[in-house]
């Protein structure tokens, strides 16, 4: 046997696949598999011709347990669920007069003292907490879908993973851009502005202004809603770290409100939130490709983290 014949006999042969009449079911089966993989991704599509990409981290279909099915249903219907719940609440309030003493607690501050013009704290505040949780859920999903997703696409972000990350970080940035200035306004106009002794003067402060009460309850509701989000959407690698962070945050806010330490709570939230203004902004700049500005904002984040959480926070003591 010659060397050529030996090589031909020992080398593997490759045949071009031939399409047969049974390829139709095979192609359909491949299409179904591809569709299933898309459904298992972090995003799902909604709207006419799949034009609108909804940036919600969908629960993977690893099993068909009742909790997974419920989580998947909640994720896919966050906007509709929130809108319908709030609509039912307001319809009941306006068209069922006997229900008004109960429904009014969901969207107004409770325990108003007419003599002092201030508000107390109590279990009735849980109604407003529930209202804010539902409201934040709907606002988050709607803002990510109808505002942040088109904005990200306009700035050239195409990968679905980057679209998700950008929208999540941009939502956090919007939140902090609203609540950090609000917290600063409360702090600046308070008697404990740059006066640490006033933090503990006349404790316990059993009554507080309406704006301060709303600020504390809204912050509390936001972090409770974040606990809901990370448990119904697709889990990340840092799930338990974030879950622990949210639990500790909610516990601290609950303690400051229940034990009438809202002055201290306001100052701590202001010091914590200013840092979180820079970090999501730096991430958003990274996703849109503005690396120089991203590096600058990350440096500002590190500086604010050192000053706010390791200098000013320790001075509070």
C-alpha atoms as a PDB file:
ATOM      1  CA  UNK A   1       0.000   0.000   0.000  1.00  0.00           C
ATOM      2  CA  UNK A   2       1.412   3.369  -0.967  1.00  0.00           C
ATOM      3  CA  UNK A   3       1.778   6.338   1.412  1.00  0.00           C
ATOM      4  CA  UNK A   4      -0.988   8.176  -0.433  1.00  0.00           C
ATOM      5  CA  UNK A   5      -3.373   5.299  -0.135  1.00  0.00           C
ATOM      6  CA  UNK A   6      -2.417   4.864   3.525  1.00  0.00           C
ATOM      7  CA  UNK A   7      -3.118   8.533   4.269  1.00  0.00           C
ATOM      8  CA  UNK A   8      -6.439   8.408   2.475  1.00  0.00           C
ATOM      9  CA  UNK A   9      -7.420   5.330   4.434  1.00  0.00           C
ATOM     10  CA  UNK A  10      -6.405   6.757   7.815  1.00  0.00           C
ATOM     11  CA  UNK A  11      -7.644  10.349   7.409  1.00  0.00           C
ATOM     12  CA  UNK A  12     -11.217  11.125   8.441  1.00  0.00           C
ATOM     13  CA  UNK A  13     -13.721  11.832   5.740  1.00  0.00           C
ATOM     14  CA  UNK A  14     -16.358  14.528   5.831  1.00  0.00           C
ATOM     15  CA  UNK A  15     -19.630  14.377   4.016  1.00  0.00           C
ATOM     16  CA  UNK A  16     -21.767  17.348   3.148  1.00  0.00           C
ATOM     17  CA  UNK A  17     -25.087  17.036   4.906  1.00  0.00           C
ATOM     18  CA  UNK A  18     -27.910  16.331   2.504  1.00  0.00           C
ATOM     19  CA  UNK A  19     -31.295  17.910   3.108  1.00  0.00           C
ATOM     20  CA  UNK A  20     -34.010  15.317   3.110  1.00  0.00           C
ATOM     21  CA  UNK A  21     -37.740  15.579   3.074  1.00  0.00           C
ATOM     22  CA  UNK A  22     -37.790  15.179   6.839  1.00  0.00           C
ATOM     23  CA  UNK A  23     -35.886  18.437   7.349  1.00  0.00           C
ATOM     24  CA  UNK A  24     -39.099  20.344   7.864  1.00  0.00           C
ATOM     25  CA  UNK A  25     -39.778  18.944  11.357  1.00  0.00           C
ATOM     26  CA  UNK A  26     -36.067  19.262  12.172  1.00  0.00           C
ATOM     27  CA  UNK A  27     -36.046  22.957  11.214  1.00  0.00           C
ATOM     28  CA  UNK A  28     -39.207  23.521  13.209  1.00  0.00           C
ATOM     29  CA  UNK A  29     -37.672  21.725  16.183  1.00  0.00           C
ATOM     30  CA  UNK A  30     -34.538  23.899  15.956  1.00  0.00           C
ATOM     31  CA  UNK A  31     -36.681  27.021  15.780  1.00  0.00           C
ATOM     32  CA  UNK A  32     -38.577  25.936  18.869  1.00  0.00           C
ATOM     33  CA  UNK A  33     -35.310  25.310  20.704  1.00  0.00           C
ATOM     34  CA  UNK A  34     -34.018  28.750  19.700  1.00  0.00           C
ATOM     35  CA  UNK A  35     -37.239  30.368  20.862  1.00  0.00           C
ATOM     36  CA  UNK A  36     -37.004  28.579  24.205  1.00  0.00           C
ATOM     37  CA  UNK A  37     -33.455  29.825  24.682  1.00  0.00           C
ATOM     38  CA  UNK A  38     -34.595  33.367  24.012  1.00  0.00           C
ATOM     39  CA  UNK A  39     -37.324  32.981  26.581  1.00  0.00           C
ATOM     40  CA  UNK A  40     -34.755  31.825  29.121  1.00  0.00           C
ATOM     41  CA  UNK A  41     -32.697  34.972  28.643  1.00  0.00           C
ATOM     42  CA  UNK A  42     -32.679  38.009  30.920  1.00  0.00           C
ATOM     43  CA  UNK A  43     -35.078  39.919  28.657  1.00  0.00           C
ATOM     44  CA  UNK A  44     -38.382  39.237  27.027  1.00  0.00           C
ATOM     45  CA  UNK A  45     -39.966  40.938  24.077  1.00  0.00           C
ATOM     46  CA  UNK A  46     -43.345  42.535  23.903  1.00  0.00           C
ATOM     47  CA  UNK A  47     -45.231  44.698  21.448  1.00  0.00           C
ATOM     48  CA  UNK A  48     -45.994  44.646  17.744  1.00  0.00           C
ATOM     49  CA  UNK A  49     -43.429  42.778  15.637  1.00  0.00           C
ATOM     50  CA  UNK A  50     -41.180  42.388  18.699  1.00  0.00           C
ATOM     51  CA  UNK A  51     -39.984  45.961  18.255  1.00  0.00           C
ATOM     52  CA  UNK A  52     -40.087  46.934  21.899  1.00  0.00           C
ATOM     53  CA  UNK A  53     -37.613  45.108  24.133  1.00  0.00           C
ATOM     54  CA  UNK A  54     -38.784  44.990  27.722  1.00  0.00           C
ATOM     55  CA  UNK A  55     -35.857  45.205  30.064  1.00  0.00           C
ATOM     56  CA  UNK A  56     -36.980  42.936  32.866  1.00  0.00           C
ATOM     57  CA  UNK A  57     -34.825  40.091  34.117  1.00  0.00           C
ATOM     58  CA  UNK A  58     -37.046  37.093  33.515  1.00  0.00           C
ATOM     59  CA  UNK A  59     -37.002  34.004  35.724  1.00  0.00           C
ATOM     60  CA  UNK A  60     -35.371  31.046  33.992  1.00  0.00           C
ATOM     61  CA  UNK A  61     -37.615  28.096  33.291  1.00  0.00           C
ATOM     62  CA  UNK A  62     -35.562  25.558  35.179  1.00  0.00           C
ATOM     63  CA  UNK A  63     -38.639  24.024  36.761  1.00  0.00           C
ATOM     64  CA  UNK A  64     -42.380  24.449  36.880  1.00  0.00           C
ATOM     65  CA  UNK A  65     -42.778  24.969  40.607  1.00  0.00           C
ATOM     66  CA  UNK A  66     -45.650  27.122  41.786  1.00  0.00           C
ATOM     67  CA  UNK A  67     -43.293  29.873  42.993  1.00  0.00           C
ATOM     68  CA  UNK A  68     -41.414  29.960  39.684  1.00  0.00           C
ATOM     69  CA  UNK A  69     -44.630  30.168  37.712  1.00  0.00           C
ATOM     70  CA  UNK A  70     -45.938  32.931  39.971  1.00  0.00           C
ATOM     71  CA  UNK A  71     -42.637  34.825  39.748  1.00  0.00           C
ATOM     72  CA  UNK A  72     -42.584  34.554  35.965  1.00  0.00           C
ATOM     73  CA  UNK A  73     -46.163  35.799  35.760  1.00  0.00           C
ATOM     74  CA  UNK A  74     -45.420  38.739  38.062  1.00  0.00           C
ATOM     75  CA  UNK A  75     -42.301  39.694  36.109  1.00  0.00           C
ATOM     76  CA  UNK A  76     -44.140  39.677  32.803  1.00  0.00           C
ATOM     77  CA  UNK A  77     -47.040  41.740  34.130  1.00  0.00           C
ATOM     78  CA  UNK A  78     -45.470  44.259  36.499  1.00  0.00           C
ATOM     79  CA  UNK A  79     -46.877  47.326  34.769  1.00  0.00           C
ATOM     80  CA  UNK A  80     -50.355  45.879  34.324  1.00  0.00           C
ATOM     81  CA  UNK A  81     -50.514  44.485  37.840  1.00  0.00           C
ATOM     82  CA  UNK A  82     -49.461  47.752  39.423  1.00  0.00           C
ATOM     83  CA  UNK A  83     -51.847  49.819  37.322  1.00  0.00           C
ATOM     84  CA  UNK A  84     -54.806  47.524  37.980  1.00  0.00           C
ATOM     85  CA  UNK A  85     -54.203  47.386  41.725  1.00  0.00           C
ATOM     86  CA  UNK A  86     -53.951  51.160  42.001  1.00  0.00           C
ATOM     87  CA  UNK A  87     -56.957  51.645  39.720  1.00  0.00           C
ATOM     88  CA  UNK A  88     -59.057  49.282  41.854  1.00  0.00           C
ATOM     89  CA  UNK A  89     -57.985  51.157  44.970  1.00  0.00           C
ATOM     90  CA  UNK A  90     -59.029  54.551  43.616  1.00  0.00           C
ATOM     91  CA  UNK A  91     -62.267  53.189  42.142  1.00  0.00           C
ATOM     92  CA  UNK A  92     -63.180  51.698  45.505  1.00  0.00           C
ATOM     93  CA  UNK A  93     -62.310  54.962  47.224  1.00  0.00           C
ATOM     94  CA  UNK A  94     -64.412  57.183  44.964  1.00  0.00           C
ATOM     95  CA  UNK A  95     -67.386  54.893  44.311  1.00  0.00           C
ATOM     96  CA  UNK A  96     -67.760  53.061  47.630  1.00  0.00           C
ATOM     97  CA  UNK A  97     -68.149  55.722  50.337  1.00  0.00           C
ATOM     98  CA  UNK A  98     -68.156  53.182  53.166  1.00  0.00           C
ATOM     99  CA  UNK A  99     -64.703  52.010  52.114  1.00  0.00           C
ATOM    100  CA  UNK A 100     -63.137  55.475  52.213  1.00  0.00           C
ATOM    101  CA  UNK A 101     -62.026  55.327  55.878  1.00  0.00           C
ATOM    102  CA  UNK A 102     -59.939  52.298  54.907  1.00  0.00           C
ATOM    103  CA  UNK A 103     -58.820  53.162  51.380  1.00  0.00           C
ATOM    104  CA  UNK A 104     -57.694  56.679  52.271  1.00  0.00           C
ATOM    105  CA  UNK A 105     -54.924  55.223  54.421  1.00  0.00           C
ATOM    106  CA  UNK A 106     -53.185  53.856  51.329  1.00  0.00           C
ATOM    107  CA  UNK A 107     -52.391  57.220  49.742  1.00  0.00           C
ATOM    108  CA  UNK A 108     -52.393  59.712  52.620  1.00  0.00           C
ATOM    109  CA  UNK A 109     -50.279  60.127  55.743  1.00  0.00           C
ATOM    110  CA  UNK A 110     -51.839  58.708  58.899  1.00  0.00           C
ATOM    111  CA  UNK A 111     -51.832  59.900  62.531  1.00  0.00           C
ATOM    112  CA  UNK A 112     -52.175  63.615  61.895  1.00  0.00           C
ATOM    113  CA  UNK A 113     -52.272  65.803  65.022  1.00  0.00           C
ATOM    114  CA  UNK A 114     -54.376  68.897  64.366  1.00  0.00           C
ATOM    115  CA  UNK A 115     -52.991  70.696  67.408  1.00  0.00           C
ATOM    116  CA  UNK A 116     -49.347  70.443  66.408  1.00  0.00           C
ATOM    117  CA  UNK A 117     -49.692  70.055  62.640  1.00  0.00           C
ATOM    118  CA  UNK A 118     -47.334  67.062  62.812  1.00  0.00           C
ATOM    119  CA  UNK A 119     -47.678  63.337  62.242  1.00  0.00           C
ATOM    120  CA  UNK A 120     -47.175  60.374  64.523  1.00  0.00           C
ATOM    121  CA  UNK A 121     -46.115  56.835  63.644  1.00  0.00           C
ATOM    122  CA  UNK A 122     -48.034  53.588  63.923  1.00  0.00           C
ATOM    123  CA  UNK A 123     -49.079  50.331  62.299  1.00  0.00           C
ATOM    124  CA  UNK A 124     -51.488  52.201  60.043  1.00  0.00           C
ATOM    125  CA  UNK A 125     -48.492  53.418  58.048  1.00  0.00           C
ATOM    126  CA  UNK A 126     -48.205  49.920  56.562  1.00  0.00           C
ATOM    127  CA  UNK A 127     -51.024  50.828  54.153  1.00  0.00           C
ATOM    128  CA  UNK A 128     -48.993  53.672  52.658  1.00  0.00           C
ATOM    129  CA  UNK A 129     -45.959  51.383  52.541  1.00  0.00           C
ATOM    130  CA  UNK A 130     -47.917  48.857  50.480  1.00  0.00           C
ATOM    131  CA  UNK A 131     -49.144  51.610  48.154  1.00  0.00           C
ATOM    132  CA  UNK A 132     -45.586  52.873  47.574  1.00  0.00           C
ATOM    133  CA  UNK A 133     -44.288  49.348  46.907  1.00  0.00           C
ATOM    134  CA  UNK A 134     -46.888  48.808  44.186  1.00  0.00           C
ATOM    135  CA  UNK A 135     -46.239  52.290  42.788  1.00  0.00           C
ATOM    136  CA  UNK A 136     -42.460  51.783  42.656  1.00  0.00           C
ATOM    137  CA  UNK A 137     -42.947  48.401  40.964  1.00  0.00           C
ATOM    138  CA  UNK A 138     -45.031  49.899  38.181  1.00  0.00           C
ATOM    139  CA  UNK A 139     -42.846  52.981  37.789  1.00  0.00           C
ATOM    140  CA  UNK A 140     -39.675  50.913  37.577  1.00  0.00           C
ATOM    141  CA  UNK A 141     -40.987  48.517  34.933  1.00  0.00           C
ATOM    142  CA  UNK A 142     -42.653  51.249  32.868  1.00  0.00           C
ATOM    143  CA  UNK A 143     -39.649  53.585  33.016  1.00  0.00           C
ATOM    144  CA  UNK A 144     -37.255  50.831  31.986  1.00  0.00           C
ATOM    145  CA  UNK A 145     -39.490  49.710  29.134  1.00  0.00           C
ATOM    146  CA  UNK A 146     -40.779  52.935  27.638  1.00  0.00           C
ATOM    147  CA  UNK A 147     -38.076  55.470  28.541  1.00  0.00           C
ATOM    148  CA  UNK A 148     -34.709  53.918  29.318  1.00  0.00           C
ATOM    149  CA  UNK A 149     -34.741  51.143  26.693  1.00  0.00           C
ATOM    150  CA  UNK A 150     -35.362  53.508  23.750  1.00  0.00           C
ATOM    151  CA  UNK A 151     -32.813  55.922  25.214  1.00  0.00           C
ATOM    152  CA  UNK A 152     -30.188  53.191  25.447  1.00  0.00           C
ATOM    153  CA  UNK A 153     -30.857  52.064  21.883  1.00  0.00           C
ATOM    154  CA  UNK A 154     -30.526  55.628  20.659  1.00  0.00           C
ATOM    155  CA  UNK A 155     -27.101  55.795  22.280  1.00  0.00           C
ATOM    156  CA  UNK A 156     -25.958  52.677  20.456  1.00  0.00           C
ATOM    157  CA  UNK A 157     -26.390  49.985  23.094  1.00  0.00           C
ATOM    158  CA  UNK A 158     -27.415  46.816  21.258  1.00  0.00           C
ATOM    159  CA  UNK A 159     -26.604  43.829  23.459  1.00  0.00           C
ATOM    160  CA  UNK A 160     -29.548  42.682  25.510  1.00  0.00           C
ATOM    161  CA  UNK A 161     -27.414  42.192  28.601  1.00  0.00           C
ATOM    162  CA  UNK A 162     -26.050  45.742  28.369  1.00  0.00           C
ATOM    163  CA  UNK A 163     -29.552  47.100  27.765  1.00  0.00           C
ATOM    164  CA  UNK A 164     -30.694  45.431  30.958  1.00  0.00           C
ATOM    165  CA  UNK A 165     -27.753  46.662  33.008  1.00  0.00           C
ATOM    166  CA  UNK A 166     -28.035  50.203  31.674  1.00  0.00           C
ATOM    167  CA  UNK A 167     -31.748  50.392  32.424  1.00  0.00           C
ATOM    168  CA  UNK A 168     -31.354  49.015  35.942  1.00  0.00           C
ATOM    169  CA  UNK A 169     -28.567  51.442  36.786  1.00  0.00           C
ATOM    170  CA  UNK A 170     -30.362  54.378  35.161  1.00  0.00           C
ATOM    171  CA  UNK A 171     -33.463  53.625  37.238  1.00  0.00           C
ATOM    172  CA  UNK A 172     -31.368  53.727  40.414  1.00  0.00           C
ATOM    173  CA  UNK A 173     -29.827  56.995  39.252  1.00  0.00           C
ATOM    174  CA  UNK A 174     -33.283  58.511  38.739  1.00  0.00           C
ATOM    175  CA  UNK A 175     -34.335  57.383  42.202  1.00  0.00           C
ATOM    176  CA  UNK A 176     -31.296  58.896  43.916  1.00  0.00           C
ATOM    177  CA  UNK A 177     -31.594  62.099  41.889  1.00  0.00           C
ATOM    178  CA  UNK A 178     -35.038  62.565  43.430  1.00  0.00           C
ATOM    179  CA  UNK A 179     -34.568  61.356  46.995  1.00  0.00           C
ATOM    180  CA  UNK A 180     -31.077  62.627  47.783  1.00  0.00           C
ATOM    181  CA  UNK A 181     -32.019  66.295  47.111  1.00  0.00           C
ATOM    182  CA  UNK A 182     -35.248  65.730  49.042  1.00  0.00           C
ATOM    183  CA  UNK A 183     -33.299  64.342  51.991  1.00  0.00           C
ATOM    184  CA  UNK A 184     -30.832  67.222  51.782  1.00  0.00           C
ATOM    185  CA  UNK A 185     -33.679  69.739  51.803  1.00  0.00           C
ATOM    186  CA  UNK A 186     -35.117  68.158  54.954  1.00  0.00           C
ATOM    187  CA  UNK A 187     -31.681  68.121  56.571  1.00  0.00           C
ATOM    188  CA  UNK A 188     -30.810  71.689  55.528  1.00  0.00           C
ATOM    189  CA  UNK A 189     -34.078  73.121  56.885  1.00  0.00           C
ATOM    190  CA  UNK A 190     -33.905  71.199  60.169  1.00  0.00           C
ATOM    191  CA  UNK A 191     -32.569  72.326  63.575  1.00  0.00           C
ATOM    192  CA  UNK A 192     -29.913  69.587  63.405  1.00  0.00           C
ATOM    193  CA  UNK A 193     -28.260  70.997  60.264  1.00  0.00           C
ATOM    194  CA  UNK A 194     -24.516  70.781  61.025  1.00  0.00           C
ATOM    195  CA  UNK A 195     -25.405  70.438  64.704  1.00  0.00           C
ATOM    196  CA  UNK A 196     -24.852  66.906  65.922  1.00  0.00           C
ATOM    197  CA  UNK A 197     -26.142  67.617  69.419  1.00  0.00           C
ATOM    198  CA  UNK A 198     -29.568  68.401  68.005  1.00  0.00           C
ATOM    199  CA  UNK A 199     -29.795  64.857  66.658  1.00  0.00           C
ATOM    200  CA  UNK A 200     -30.479  63.666  70.190  1.00  0.00           C
ATOM    201  CA  UNK A 201     -32.226  66.722  71.638  1.00  0.00           C
ATOM    202  CA  UNK A 202     -35.708  66.064  73.078  1.00  0.00           C
ATOM    203  CA  UNK A 203     -35.576  62.407  72.127  1.00  0.00           C
ATOM    204  CA  UNK A 204     -37.859  60.656  71.404  1.00  0.00           C
ATOM    205  CA  UNK A 205     -39.319  62.827  68.683  1.00  0.00           C
ATOM    206  CA  UNK A 206     -42.699  61.101  68.494  1.00  0.00           C
ATOM    207  CA  UNK A 207     -44.068  63.470  65.868  1.00  0.00           C
ATOM    208  CA  UNK A 208     -42.522  64.686  62.643  1.00  0.00           C
ATOM    209  CA  UNK A 209     -43.407  66.822  59.663  1.00  0.00           C
ATOM    210  CA  UNK A 210     -45.408  65.405  56.796  1.00  0.00           C
ATOM    211  CA  UNK A 211     -42.504  65.730  54.365  1.00  0.00           C
ATOM    212  CA  UNK A 212     -40.119  63.899  56.690  1.00  0.00           C
ATOM    213  CA  UNK A 213     -42.623  61.128  57.288  1.00  0.00           C
ATOM    214  CA  UNK A 214     -43.221  60.675  53.565  1.00  0.00           C
ATOM    215  CA  UNK A 215     -39.454  60.677  52.923  1.00  0.00           C
ATOM    216  CA  UNK A 216     -38.753  57.937  55.463  1.00  0.00           C
ATOM    217  CA  UNK A 217     -41.704  55.767  54.416  1.00  0.00           C
ATOM    218  CA  UNK A 218     -40.912  56.131  50.704  1.00  0.00           C
ATOM    219  CA  UNK A 219     -37.281  55.121  51.291  1.00  0.00           C
ATOM    220  CA  UNK A 220     -38.450  52.151  53.329  1.00  0.00           C
ATOM    221  CA  UNK A 221     -40.912  51.112  50.602  1.00  0.00           C
ATOM    222  CA  UNK A 222     -38.262  51.424  47.888  1.00  0.00           C
ATOM    223  CA  UNK A 223     -35.938  48.959  49.573  1.00  0.00           C
ATOM    224  CA  UNK A 224     -38.777  46.577  50.366  1.00  0.00           C
ATOM    225  CA  UNK A 225     -39.635  46.680  46.675  1.00  0.00           C
ATOM    226  CA  UNK A 226     -36.006  45.924  45.820  1.00  0.00           C
ATOM    227  CA  UNK A 227     -36.249  42.763  47.931  1.00  0.00           C
ATOM    228  CA  UNK A 228     -39.279  41.762  45.867  1.00  0.00           C
ATOM    229  CA  UNK A 229     -37.474  42.498  42.598  1.00  0.00           C
ATOM    230  CA  UNK A 230     -34.396  40.387  43.264  1.00  0.00           C
ATOM    231  CA  UNK A 231     -36.554  37.430  44.296  1.00  0.00           C
ATOM    232  CA  UNK A 232     -38.973  37.362  41.363  1.00  0.00           C
ATOM    233  CA  UNK A 233     -36.530  38.235  38.584  1.00  0.00           C
ATOM    234  CA  UNK A 234     -33.671  36.078  37.357  1.00  0.00           C
ATOM    235  CA  UNK A 235     -31.100  35.678  40.092  1.00  0.00           C
ATOM    236  CA  UNK A 236     -27.601  36.996  39.718  1.00  0.00           C
ATOM    237  CA  UNK A 237     -24.353  35.753  41.166  1.00  0.00           C
ATOM    238  CA  UNK A 238     -24.475  38.377  43.924  1.00  0.00           C
ATOM    239  CA  UNK A 239     -28.101  37.605  44.835  1.00  0.00           C
ATOM    240  CA  UNK A 240     -27.467  36.777  48.486  1.00  0.00           C
ATOM    241  CA  UNK A 241     -25.115  39.712  48.993  1.00  0.00           C
ATOM    242  CA  UNK A 242     -27.726  42.123  47.628  1.00  0.00           C
ATOM    243  CA  UNK A 243     -30.496  40.381  49.551  1.00  0.00           C
ATOM    244  CA  UNK A 244     -28.523  40.789  52.786  1.00  0.00           C
ATOM    245  CA  UNK A 245     -27.845  44.459  51.988  1.00  0.00           C
ATOM    246  CA  UNK A 246     -31.535  45.157  51.378  1.00  0.00           C
ATOM    247  CA  UNK A 247     -32.606  43.343  54.556  1.00  0.00           C
ATOM    248  CA  UNK A 248     -30.123  45.334  56.664  1.00  0.00           C
ATOM    249  CA  UNK A 249     -31.197  48.608  55.027  1.00  0.00           C
ATOM    250  CA  UNK A 250     -34.889  47.909  55.665  1.00  0.00           C
ATOM    251  CA  UNK A 251     -34.139  46.883  59.241  1.00  0.00           C
ATOM    252  CA  UNK A 252     -32.254  50.123  59.940  1.00  0.00           C
ATOM    253  CA  UNK A 253     -34.971  52.309  58.405  1.00  0.00           C
ATOM    254  CA  UNK A 254     -37.633  50.399  60.321  1.00  0.00           C
ATOM    255  CA  UNK A 255     -35.700  50.818  63.569  1.00  0.00           C
ATOM    256  CA  UNK A 256     -35.121  54.558  63.114  1.00  0.00           C
ATOM    257  CA  UNK A 257     -38.818  55.082  62.362  1.00  0.00           C
ATOM    258  CA  UNK A 258     -40.173  52.825  65.100  1.00  0.00           C
ATOM    259  CA  UNK A 259     -37.853  54.196  67.801  1.00  0.00           C
ATOM    260  CA  UNK A 260     -38.339  57.834  66.733  1.00  0.00           C
ATOM    261  CA  UNK A 261     -34.765  58.326  65.532  1.00  0.00           C
ATOM    262  CA  UNK A 262     -35.819  59.895  62.251  1.00  0.00           C
ATOM    263  CA  UNK A 263     -33.311  62.732  62.623  1.00  0.00           C
ATOM    264  CA  UNK A 264     -30.468  60.248  62.699  1.00  0.00           C
ATOM    265  CA  UNK A 265     -32.112  58.258  59.919  1.00  0.00           C
ATOM    266  CA  UNK A 266     -32.367  61.322  57.699  1.00  0.00           C
ATOM    267  CA  UNK A 267     -28.687  62.173  58.159  1.00  0.00           C
ATOM    268  CA  UNK A 268     -27.544  58.592  57.527  1.00  0.00           C
ATOM    269  CA  UNK A 269     -29.649  58.287  54.374  1.00  0.00           C
ATOM    270  CA  UNK A 270     -28.241  61.557  53.044  1.00  0.00           C
ATOM    271  CA  UNK A 271     -24.673  60.364  53.648  1.00  0.00           C
ATOM    272  CA  UNK A 272     -25.343  56.975  52.064  1.00  0.00           C
ATOM    273  CA  UNK A 273     -27.336  58.191  49.061  1.00  0.00           C
ATOM    274  CA  UNK A 274     -24.853  60.790  47.842  1.00  0.00           C
ATOM    275  CA  UNK A 275     -22.376  57.994  47.130  1.00  0.00           C
ATOM    276  CA  UNK A 276     -24.966  56.066  45.150  1.00  0.00           C
ATOM    277  CA  UNK A 277     -25.454  59.015  42.829  1.00  0.00           C
ATOM    278  CA  UNK A 278     -21.999  58.564  41.305  1.00  0.00           C
ATOM    279  CA  UNK A 279     -21.786  54.775  41.040  1.00  0.00           C
ATOM    280  CA  UNK A 280     -24.811  54.110  38.772  1.00  0.00           C
ATOM    281  CA  UNK A 281     -23.915  57.178  36.713  1.00  0.00           C
ATOM    282  CA  UNK A 282     -20.415  55.771  36.153  1.00  0.00           C
ATOM    283  CA  UNK A 283     -21.895  52.453  35.053  1.00  0.00           C
ATOM    284  CA  UNK A 284     -24.307  54.125  32.637  1.00  0.00           C
ATOM    285  CA  UNK A 285     -21.436  56.088  31.088  1.00  0.00           C
ATOM    286  CA  UNK A 286     -19.527  52.843  30.648  1.00  0.00           C
ATOM    287  CA  UNK A 287     -22.384  51.184  28.788  1.00  0.00           C
ATOM    288  CA  UNK A 288     -22.737  54.103  26.358  1.00  0.00           C
ATOM    289  CA  UNK A 289     -18.983  54.019  25.666  1.00  0.00           C
ATOM    290  CA  UNK A 290     -17.945  57.272  27.384  1.00  0.00           C
ATOM    291  CA  UNK A 291     -14.974  55.689  29.114  1.00  0.00           C
ATOM    292  CA  UNK A 292     -13.187  58.923  30.070  1.00  0.00           C
ATOM    293  CA  UNK A 293     -16.258  60.311  31.819  1.00  0.00           C
ATOM    294  CA  UNK A 294     -16.822  56.894  33.352  1.00  0.00           C
ATOM    295  CA  UNK A 295     -13.341  56.932  34.898  1.00  0.00           C
ATOM    296  CA  UNK A 296     -13.912  60.462  36.195  1.00  0.00           C
ATOM    297  CA  UNK A 297     -17.227  59.505  37.787  1.00  0.00           C
ATOM    298  CA  UNK A 298     -15.735  56.391  39.315  1.00  0.00           C
ATOM    299  CA  UNK A 299     -13.046  58.565  40.894  1.00  0.00           C
ATOM    300  CA  UNK A 300     -15.771  60.871  42.216  1.00  0.00           C
ATOM    301  CA  UNK A 301     -17.541  57.803  43.583  1.00  0.00           C
ATOM    302  CA  UNK A 302     -14.445  56.652  45.475  1.00  0.00           C
ATOM    303  CA  UNK A 303     -13.861  60.153  46.858  1.00  0.00           C
ATOM    304  CA  UNK A 304     -17.479  60.569  47.969  1.00  0.00           C
ATOM    305  CA  UNK A 305     -17.418  57.090  49.493  1.00  0.00           C
ATOM    306  CA  UNK A 306     -14.360  57.939  51.585  1.00  0.00           C
ATOM    307  CA  UNK A 307     -15.590  61.371  52.671  1.00  0.00           C
ATOM    308  CA  UNK A 308     -19.264  60.590  53.296  1.00  0.00           C
ATOM    309  CA  UNK A 309     -19.012  57.131  54.798  1.00  0.00           C
ATOM    310  CA  UNK A 310     -15.643  57.265  56.546  1.00  0.00           C
ATOM    311  CA  UNK A 311     -15.325  60.909  57.621  1.00  0.00           C
ATOM    312  CA  UNK A 312     -18.713  62.585  57.966  1.00  0.00           C
ATOM    313  CA  UNK A 313     -20.461  59.421  59.089  1.00  0.00           C
ATOM    314  CA  UNK A 314     -17.958  58.847  61.901  1.00  0.00           C
ATOM    315  CA  UNK A 315     -18.299  62.502  62.935  1.00  0.00           C
ATOM    316  CA  UNK A 316     -21.993  61.829  63.536  1.00  0.00           C
ATOM    317  CA  UNK A 317     -20.994  59.945  66.642  1.00  0.00           C
END
